[in-house]
């Protein structure tokens, strides 16, 4: 397995852990799923002009942001 495949596998594993972290922190899985989907949809259209990170899909960015907001509330308080 080459280095690129290892990095991709590591990245996917990290994303899976973040998804689990988000679902564990949520009181209602359905509600959090809808919130992630809506945020991803907004991101998709907001980031049309930004081309610097095309490798990360809007749904992944939305999940990572929401996990950070839930697990690190000090980010929002600053």
PDB file of N, CA and C in Angstrom:
ATOM      1  N   UNK A   1       0.845  -1.173   0.000  1.00  0.00           N
ATOM      2  CA  UNK A   1       0.000   0.000   0.000  1.00  0.00           C
ATOM      3  C   UNK A   1       0.889   1.234   0.000  1.00  0.00           C
ATOM      4  N   UNK A   2       0.640   2.134  -0.918  1.00  0.00           N
ATOM      5  CA  UNK A   2       1.502   3.304  -0.985  1.00  0.00           C
ATOM      6  C   UNK A   2       1.082   4.363   0.036  1.00  0.00           C
ATOM      7  N   UNK A   3       1.876   5.402   0.135  1.00  0.00           N
ATOM      8  CA  UNK A   3       1.668   6.450   1.125  1.00  0.00           C
ATOM      9  C   UNK A   3       0.344   7.178   0.934  1.00  0.00           C
ATOM     10  N   UNK A   4      -0.045   7.411  -0.315  1.00  0.00           N
ATOM     11  CA  UNK A   4      -1.285   8.120  -0.592  1.00  0.00           C
ATOM     12  C   UNK A   4      -2.504   7.344  -0.093  1.00  0.00           C
ATOM     13  N   UNK A   5      -2.504   6.037  -0.297  1.00  0.00           N
ATOM     14  CA  UNK A   5      -3.612   5.205   0.177  1.00  0.00           C
ATOM     15  C   UNK A   5      -3.675   5.178   1.701  1.00  0.00           C
ATOM     16  N   UNK A   6      -2.509   5.153   2.349  1.00  0.00           N
ATOM     17  CA  UNK A   6      -2.475   5.170   3.808  1.00  0.00           C
ATOM     18  C   UNK A   6      -3.052   6.476   4.337  1.00  0.00           C
ATOM     19  N   UNK A   7      -2.678   7.594   3.712  1.00  0.00           N
ATOM     20  CA  UNK A   7      -3.195   8.892   4.133  1.00  0.00           C
ATOM     21  C   UNK A   7      -4.698   8.978   3.941  1.00  0.00           C
ATOM     22  N   UNK A   8      -5.182   8.456   2.831  1.00  0.00           N
ATOM     23  CA  UNK A   8      -6.615   8.473   2.552  1.00  0.00           C
ATOM     24  C   UNK A   8      -7.368   7.625   3.567  1.00  0.00           C
ATOM     25  N   UNK A   9      -6.828   6.459   3.879  1.00  0.00           N
ATOM     26  CA  UNK A   9      -7.454   5.561   4.850  1.00  0.00           C
ATOM     27  C   UNK A   9      -7.459   6.214   6.234  1.00  0.00           C
ATOM     28  N   UNK A  10      -6.347   6.866   6.604  1.00  0.00           N
ATOM     29  CA  UNK A  10      -6.271   7.556   7.888  1.00  0.00           C
ATOM     30  C   UNK A  10      -7.298   8.678   7.953  1.00  0.00           C
ATOM     31  N   UNK A  11      -7.406   9.444   6.891  1.00  0.00           N
ATOM     32  CA  UNK A  11      -8.350  10.559   6.838  1.00  0.00           C
ATOM     33  C   UNK A  11      -9.786  10.041   6.974  1.00  0.00           C
ATOM     34  N   UNK A  12     -10.105   8.951   6.290  1.00  0.00           N
ATOM     35  CA  UNK A  12     -11.444   8.380   6.368  1.00  0.00           C
ATOM     36  C   UNK A  12     -11.746   7.864   7.772  1.00  0.00           C
ATOM     37  N   UNK A  13     -10.768   7.257   8.401  1.00  0.00           N
ATOM     38  CA  UNK A  13     -10.944   6.767   9.767  1.00  0.00           C
ATOM     39  C   UNK A  13     -11.198   7.932  10.718  1.00  0.00           C
ATOM     40  N   UNK A  14     -10.453   9.002  10.551  1.00  0.00           N
ATOM     41  CA  UNK A  14     -10.630  10.193  11.388  1.00  0.00           C
ATOM     42  C   UNK A  14     -12.030  10.776  11.201  1.00  0.00           C
ATOM     43  N   UNK A  15     -12.495  10.830   9.967  1.00  0.00           N
ATOM     44  CA  UNK A  15     -13.836  11.347   9.675  1.00  0.00           C
ATOM     45  C   UNK A  15     -14.888  10.452  10.328  1.00  0.00           C
ATOM     46  N   UNK A  16     -14.703   9.142  10.251  1.00  0.00           N
ATOM     47  CA  UNK A  16     -15.655   8.220  10.875  1.00  0.00           C
ATOM     48  C   UNK A  16     -15.733   8.446  12.382  1.00  0.00           C
ATOM     49  N   UNK A  17     -14.587   8.662  13.033  1.00  0.00           N
ATOM     50  CA  UNK A  17     -14.587   8.942  14.467  1.00  0.00           C
ATOM     51  C   UNK A  17     -15.312  10.252  14.768  1.00  0.00           C
ATOM     52  N   UNK A  18     -15.116  11.248  13.926  1.00  0.00           N
ATOM     53  CA  UNK A  18     -15.781  12.540  14.123  1.00  0.00           C
ATOM     54  C   UNK A  18     -17.290  12.401  13.972  1.00  0.00           C
ATOM     55  N   UNK A  19     -17.727  11.592  13.012  1.00  0.00           N
ATOM     56  CA  UNK A  19     -19.162  11.358  12.826  1.00  0.00           C
ATOM     57  C   UNK A  19     -19.742  10.693  14.071  1.00  0.00           C
ATOM     58  N   UNK A  20     -19.054   9.691  14.587  1.00  0.00           N
ATOM     59  CA  UNK A  20     -19.516   9.014  15.804  1.00  0.00           C
ATOM     60  C   UNK A  20     -19.559   9.985  16.979  1.00  0.00           C
ATOM     61  N   UNK A  21     -18.567  10.843  17.065  1.00  0.00           N
ATOM     62  CA  UNK A  21     -18.514  11.833  18.138  1.00  0.00           C
ATOM     63  C   UNK A  21     -19.715  12.779  18.049  1.00  0.00           C
ATOM     64  N   UNK A  22     -20.050  13.189  16.847  1.00  0.00           N
ATOM     65  CA  UNK A  22     -21.192  14.081  16.634  1.00  0.00           C
ATOM     66  C   UNK A  22     -22.496  13.386  17.021  1.00  0.00           C
ATOM     67  N   UNK A  23     -22.654  12.151  16.594  1.00  0.00           N
ATOM     68  CA  UNK A  23     -23.886  11.419  16.896  1.00  0.00           C
ATOM     69  C   UNK A  23     -24.027  11.130  18.391  1.00  0.00           C
ATOM     70  N   UNK A  24     -22.925  10.864  19.065  1.00  0.00           N
ATOM     71  CA  UNK A  24     -22.972  10.619  20.505  1.00  0.00           C
ATOM     72  C   UNK A  24     -23.341  11.891  21.276  1.00  0.00           C
ATOM     73  N   UNK A  25     -22.888  13.029  20.784  1.00  0.00           N
ATOM     74  CA  UNK A  25     -23.152  14.290  21.477  1.00  0.00           C
ATOM     75  C   UNK A  25     -24.577  14.796  21.221  1.00  0.00           C
ATOM     76  N   UNK A  26     -25.191  14.313  20.160  1.00  0.00           N
ATOM     77  CA  UNK A  26     -26.523  14.792  19.790  1.00  0.00           C
ATOM     78  C   UNK A  26     -27.606  14.110  20.620  1.00  0.00           C
ATOM     79  N   UNK A  27     -28.613  14.879  20.970  1.00  0.00           N
ATOM     80  CA  UNK A  27     -29.752  14.312  21.684  1.00  0.00           C
ATOM     81  C   UNK A  27     -30.692  13.587  20.725  1.00  0.00           C
ATOM     82  N   UNK A  28     -30.747  14.053  19.493  1.00  0.00           N
ATOM     83  CA  UNK A  28     -31.682  13.518  18.515  1.00  0.00           C
ATOM     84  C   UNK A  28     -30.927  13.294  17.201  1.00  0.00           C
ATOM     85  N   UNK A  29     -30.727  12.043  16.818  1.00  0.00           N
ATOM     86  CA  UNK A  29     -29.950  11.723  15.611  1.00  0.00           C
ATOM     87  C   UNK A  29     -30.600  12.275  14.348  1.00  0.00           C
ATOM     88  N   UNK A  30     -31.924  12.210  14.279  1.00  0.00           N
ATOM     89  CA  UNK A  30     -32.626  12.711  13.093  1.00  0.00           C
ATOM     90  C   UNK A  30     -32.385  14.209  12.941  1.00  0.00           C
ATOM     91  N   UNK A  31     -32.539  14.935  14.040  1.00  0.00           N
ATOM     92  CA  UNK A  31     -32.379  16.389  14.008  1.00  0.00           C
ATOM     93  C   UNK A  31     -30.957  16.787  13.609  1.00  0.00           C
ATOM     94  N   UNK A  32     -29.965  16.115  14.163  1.00  0.00           N
ATOM     95  CA  UNK A  32     -28.577  16.457  13.835  1.00  0.00           C
ATOM     96  C   UNK A  32     -28.266  16.120  12.387  1.00  0.00           C
ATOM     97  N   UNK A  33     -28.862  15.037  11.878  1.00  0.00           N
ATOM     98  CA  UNK A  33     -28.661  14.664  10.477  1.00  0.00           C
ATOM     99  C   UNK A  33     -29.223  15.746   9.560  1.00  0.00           C
ATOM    100  N   UNK A  34     -30.396  16.256   9.881  1.00  0.00           N
ATOM    101  CA  UNK A  34     -31.010  17.330   9.090  1.00  0.00           C
ATOM    102  C   UNK A  34     -30.167  18.598   9.174  1.00  0.00           C
ATOM    103  N   UNK A  35     -29.654  18.902  10.359  1.00  0.00           N
ATOM    104  CA  UNK A  35     -28.815  20.094  10.523  1.00  0.00           C
ATOM    105  C   UNK A  35     -27.533  19.982   9.706  1.00  0.00           C
ATOM    106  N   UNK A  36     -26.916  18.811   9.710  1.00  0.00           N
ATOM    107  CA  UNK A  36     -25.694  18.603   8.922  1.00  0.00           C
ATOM    108  C   UNK A  36     -26.010  18.751   7.434  1.00  0.00           C
ATOM    109  N   UNK A  37     -27.104  18.151   6.989  1.00  0.00           N
ATOM    110  CA  UNK A  37     -27.477  18.228   5.575  1.00  0.00           C
ATOM    111  C   UNK A  37     -27.743  19.669   5.150  1.00  0.00           C
ATOM    112  N   UNK A  38     -28.450  20.421   5.978  1.00  0.00           N
ATOM    113  CA  UNK A  38     -28.735  21.824   5.644  1.00  0.00           C
ATOM    114  C   UNK A  38     -27.468  22.667   5.611  1.00  0.00           C
ATOM    115  N   UNK A  39     -26.579  22.430   6.564  1.00  0.00           N
ATOM    116  CA  UNK A  39     -25.323  23.183   6.566  1.00  0.00           C
ATOM    117  C   UNK A  39     -24.482  22.842   5.341  1.00  0.00           C
ATOM    118  N   UNK A  40     -24.445  21.571   4.995  1.00  0.00           N
ATOM    119  CA  UNK A  40     -23.673  21.147   3.820  1.00  0.00           C
ATOM    120  C   UNK A  40     -24.248  21.779   2.554  1.00  0.00           C
ATOM    121  N   UNK A  41     -25.554  21.843   2.479  1.00  0.00           N
ATOM    122  CA  UNK A  41     -26.188  22.461   1.311  1.00  0.00           C
ATOM    123  C   UNK A  41     -25.821  23.944   1.222  1.00  0.00           C
ATOM    124  N   UNK A  42     -25.870  24.634   2.370  1.00  0.00           N
ATOM    125  CA  UNK A  42     -25.470  26.054   2.384  1.00  0.00           C
ATOM    126  C   UNK A  42     -24.015  26.209   1.981  1.00  0.00           C
ATOM    127  N   UNK A  43     -23.154  25.354   2.554  1.00  0.00           N
ATOM    128  CA  UNK A  43     -21.720  25.423   2.240  1.00  0.00           C
ATOM    129  C   UNK A  43     -21.473  25.226   0.753  1.00  0.00           C
ATOM    130  N   UNK A  44     -22.197  24.292   0.168  1.00  0.00           N
ATOM    131  CA  UNK A  44     -22.016  23.997  -1.254  1.00  0.00           C
ATOM    132  C   UNK A  44     -22.221  25.256  -2.094  1.00  0.00           C
ATOM    133  N   UNK A  45     -23.248  26.011  -1.759  1.00  0.00           N
ATOM    134  CA  UNK A  45     -23.541  27.209  -2.546  1.00  0.00           C
ATOM    135  C   UNK A  45     -22.738  28.420  -2.114  1.00  0.00           C
ATOM    136  N   UNK A  46     -22.365  28.491  -0.852  1.00  0.00           N
ATOM    137  CA  UNK A  46     -21.539  29.607  -0.373  1.00  0.00           C
ATOM    138  C   UNK A  46     -20.119  29.512  -0.909  1.00  0.00           C
ATOM    139  N   UNK A  47     -19.617  28.294  -1.033  1.00  0.00           N
ATOM    140  CA  UNK A  47     -18.221  28.083  -1.404  1.00  0.00           C
ATOM    141  C   UNK A  47     -18.013  27.900  -2.898  1.00  0.00           C
ATOM    142  N   UNK A  48     -18.997  28.271  -3.706  1.00  0.00           N
ATOM    143  CA  UNK A  48     -18.857  28.119  -5.160  1.00  0.00           C
ATOM    144  C   UNK A  48     -17.676  28.942  -5.661  1.00  0.00           C
ATOM    145  N   UNK A  49     -17.484  30.122  -5.098  1.00  0.00           N
ATOM    146  CA  UNK A  49     -16.411  31.009  -5.545  1.00  0.00           C
ATOM    147  C   UNK A  49     -15.051  30.632  -4.954  1.00  0.00           C
ATOM    148  N   UNK A  50     -15.046  29.867  -3.883  1.00  0.00           N
ATOM    149  CA  UNK A  50     -13.803  29.481  -3.224  1.00  0.00           C
ATOM    150  C   UNK A  50     -13.370  28.126  -3.780  1.00  0.00           C
ATOM    151  N   UNK A  51     -12.198  28.099  -4.383  1.00  0.00           N
ATOM    152  CA  UNK A  51     -11.740  26.871  -5.031  1.00  0.00           C
ATOM    153  C   UNK A  51     -10.501  26.302  -4.343  1.00  0.00           C
ATOM    154  N   UNK A  52     -10.119  26.843  -3.203  1.00  0.00           N
ATOM    155  CA  UNK A  52      -8.862  26.421  -2.577  1.00  0.00           C
ATOM    156  C   UNK A  52      -8.904  25.014  -1.984  1.00  0.00           C
ATOM    157  N   UNK A  53     -10.068  24.508  -1.578  1.00  0.00           N
ATOM    158  CA  UNK A  53     -10.123  23.160  -0.996  1.00  0.00           C
ATOM    159  C   UNK A  53     -11.234  22.352  -1.659  1.00  0.00           C
ATOM    160  N   UNK A  54     -10.978  21.901  -2.859  1.00  0.00           N
ATOM    161  CA  UNK A  54     -11.990  21.134  -3.586  1.00  0.00           C
ATOM    162  C   UNK A  54     -11.966  19.663  -3.211  1.00  0.00           C
ATOM    163  N   UNK A  55     -10.950  19.230  -2.474  1.00  0.00           N
ATOM    164  CA  UNK A  55     -10.847  17.816  -2.118  1.00  0.00           C
ATOM    165  C   UNK A  55     -11.816  17.419  -1.001  1.00  0.00           C
ATOM    166  N   UNK A  56     -12.222  18.377  -0.167  1.00  0.00           N
ATOM    167  CA  UNK A  56     -13.130  18.084   0.930  1.00  0.00           C
ATOM    168  C   UNK A  56     -14.547  18.464   0.537  1.00  0.00           C
ATOM    169  N   UNK A  57     -15.421  17.497   0.579  1.00  0.00           N
ATOM    170  CA  UNK A  57     -16.809  17.722   0.185  1.00  0.00           C
ATOM    171  C   UNK A  57     -17.534  18.540   1.245  1.00  0.00           C
ATOM    172  N   UNK A  58     -18.564  19.286   0.845  1.00  0.00           N
ATOM    173  CA  UNK A  58     -19.302  20.124   1.804  1.00  0.00           C
ATOM    174  C   UNK A  58     -19.877  19.339   2.982  1.00  0.00           C
ATOM    175  N   UNK A  59     -20.306  18.114   2.767  1.00  0.00           N
ATOM    176  CA  UNK A  59     -20.871  17.329   3.867  1.00  0.00           C
ATOM    177  C   UNK A  59     -19.812  17.020   4.916  1.00  0.00           C
ATOM    178  N   UNK A  60     -18.603  16.741   4.482  1.00  0.00           N
ATOM    179  CA  UNK A  60     -17.508  16.455   5.425  1.00  0.00           C
ATOM    180  C   UNK A  60     -17.143  17.726   6.187  1.00  0.00           C
ATOM    181  N   UNK A  61     -17.062  18.853   5.477  1.00  0.00           N
ATOM    182  CA  UNK A  61     -16.749  20.118   6.154  1.00  0.00           C
ATOM    183  C   UNK A  61     -17.818  20.457   7.185  1.00  0.00           C
ATOM    184  N   UNK A  62     -19.089  20.235   6.841  1.00  0.00           N
ATOM    185  CA  UNK A  62     -20.184  20.518   7.765  1.00  0.00           C
ATOM    186  C   UNK A  62     -20.081  19.646   9.015  1.00  0.00           C
ATOM    187  N   UNK A  63     -19.795  18.365   8.832  1.00  0.00           N
ATOM    188  CA  UNK A  63     -19.658  17.451   9.971  1.00  0.00           C
ATOM    189  C   UNK A  63     -18.512  17.891  10.869  1.00  0.00           C
ATOM    190  N   UNK A  64     -17.364  18.179  10.282  1.00  0.00           N
ATOM    191  CA  UNK A  64     -16.196  18.570  11.084  1.00  0.00           C
ATOM    192  C   UNK A  64     -16.456  19.871  11.848  1.00  0.00           C
ATOM    193  N   UNK A  65     -17.114  20.831  11.210  1.00  0.00           N
ATOM    194  CA  UNK A  65     -17.428  22.089  11.896  1.00  0.00           C
ATOM    195  C   UNK A  65     -18.394  21.863  13.047  1.00  0.00           C
ATOM    196  N   UNK A  66     -19.416  21.049  12.810  1.00  0.00           N
ATOM    197  CA  UNK A  66     -20.412  20.830  13.858  1.00  0.00           C
ATOM    198  C   UNK A  66     -19.819  20.059  15.042  1.00  0.00           C
ATOM    199  N   UNK A  67     -18.936  19.128  14.784  1.00  0.00           N
ATOM    200  CA  UNK A  67     -18.271  18.405  15.874  1.00  0.00           C
ATOM    201  C   UNK A  67     -17.462  19.385  16.703  1.00  0.00           C
ATOM    202  N   UNK A  68     -16.725  20.268  16.043  1.00  0.00           N
ATOM    203  CA  UNK A  68     -15.931  21.258  16.769  1.00  0.00           C
ATOM    204  C   UNK A  68     -16.822  22.173  17.604  1.00  0.00           C
ATOM    205  N   UNK A  69     -17.961  22.578  17.055  1.00  0.00           N
ATOM    206  CA  UNK A  69     -18.867  23.464  17.789  1.00  0.00           C
ATOM    207  C   UNK A  69     -19.438  22.777  19.025  1.00  0.00           C
ATOM    208  N   UNK A  70     -19.746  21.500  18.894  1.00  0.00           N
ATOM    209  CA  UNK A  70     -20.348  20.774  20.013  1.00  0.00           C
ATOM    210  C   UNK A  70     -19.305  20.394  21.059  1.00  0.00           C
ATOM    211  N   UNK A  71     -18.162  19.934  20.620  1.00  0.00           N
ATOM    212  CA  UNK A  71     -17.156  19.435  21.564  1.00  0.00           C
ATOM    213  C   UNK A  71     -16.245  20.521  22.108  1.00  0.00           C
ATOM    214  N   UNK A  72     -16.185  21.664  21.423  1.00  0.00           N
ATOM    215  CA  UNK A  72     -15.324  22.748  21.868  1.00  0.00           C
ATOM    216  C   UNK A  72     -16.111  24.044  21.910  1.00  0.00           C
ATOM    217  N   UNK A  73     -17.017  24.181  22.876  1.00  0.00           N
ATOM    218  CA  UNK A  73     -17.882  25.365  22.923  1.00  0.00           C
ATOM    219  C   UNK A  73     -17.126  26.675  23.094  1.00  0.00           C
ATOM    220  N   UNK A  74     -15.878  26.602  23.550  1.00  0.00           N
ATOM    221  CA  UNK A  74     -15.097  27.836  23.681  1.00  0.00           C
ATOM    222  C   UNK A  74     -14.833  28.494  22.333  1.00  0.00           C
ATOM    223  N   UNK A  75     -14.936  27.732  21.249  1.00  0.00           N
ATOM    224  CA  UNK A  75     -14.763  28.302  19.910  1.00  0.00           C
ATOM    225  C   UNK A  75     -15.870  29.325  19.664  1.00  0.00           C
ATOM    226  N   UNK A  76     -17.087  29.009  20.079  1.00  0.00           N
ATOM    227  CA  UNK A  76     -18.217  29.898  19.848  1.00  0.00           C
ATOM    228  C   UNK A  76     -18.226  31.075  20.800  1.00  0.00           C
ATOM    229  N   UNK A  77     -17.657  30.935  21.973  1.00  0.00           N
ATOM    230  CA  UNK A  77     -17.706  32.006  22.965  1.00  0.00           C
ATOM    231  C   UNK A  77     -16.689  33.108  22.705  1.00  0.00           C
ATOM    232  N   UNK A  78     -15.691  32.840  21.867  1.00  0.00           N
ATOM    233  CA  UNK A  78     -14.659  33.867  21.592  1.00  0.00           C
ATOM    234  C   UNK A  78     -15.177  34.966  20.695  1.00  0.00           C
TER     235      UNK A  78
END
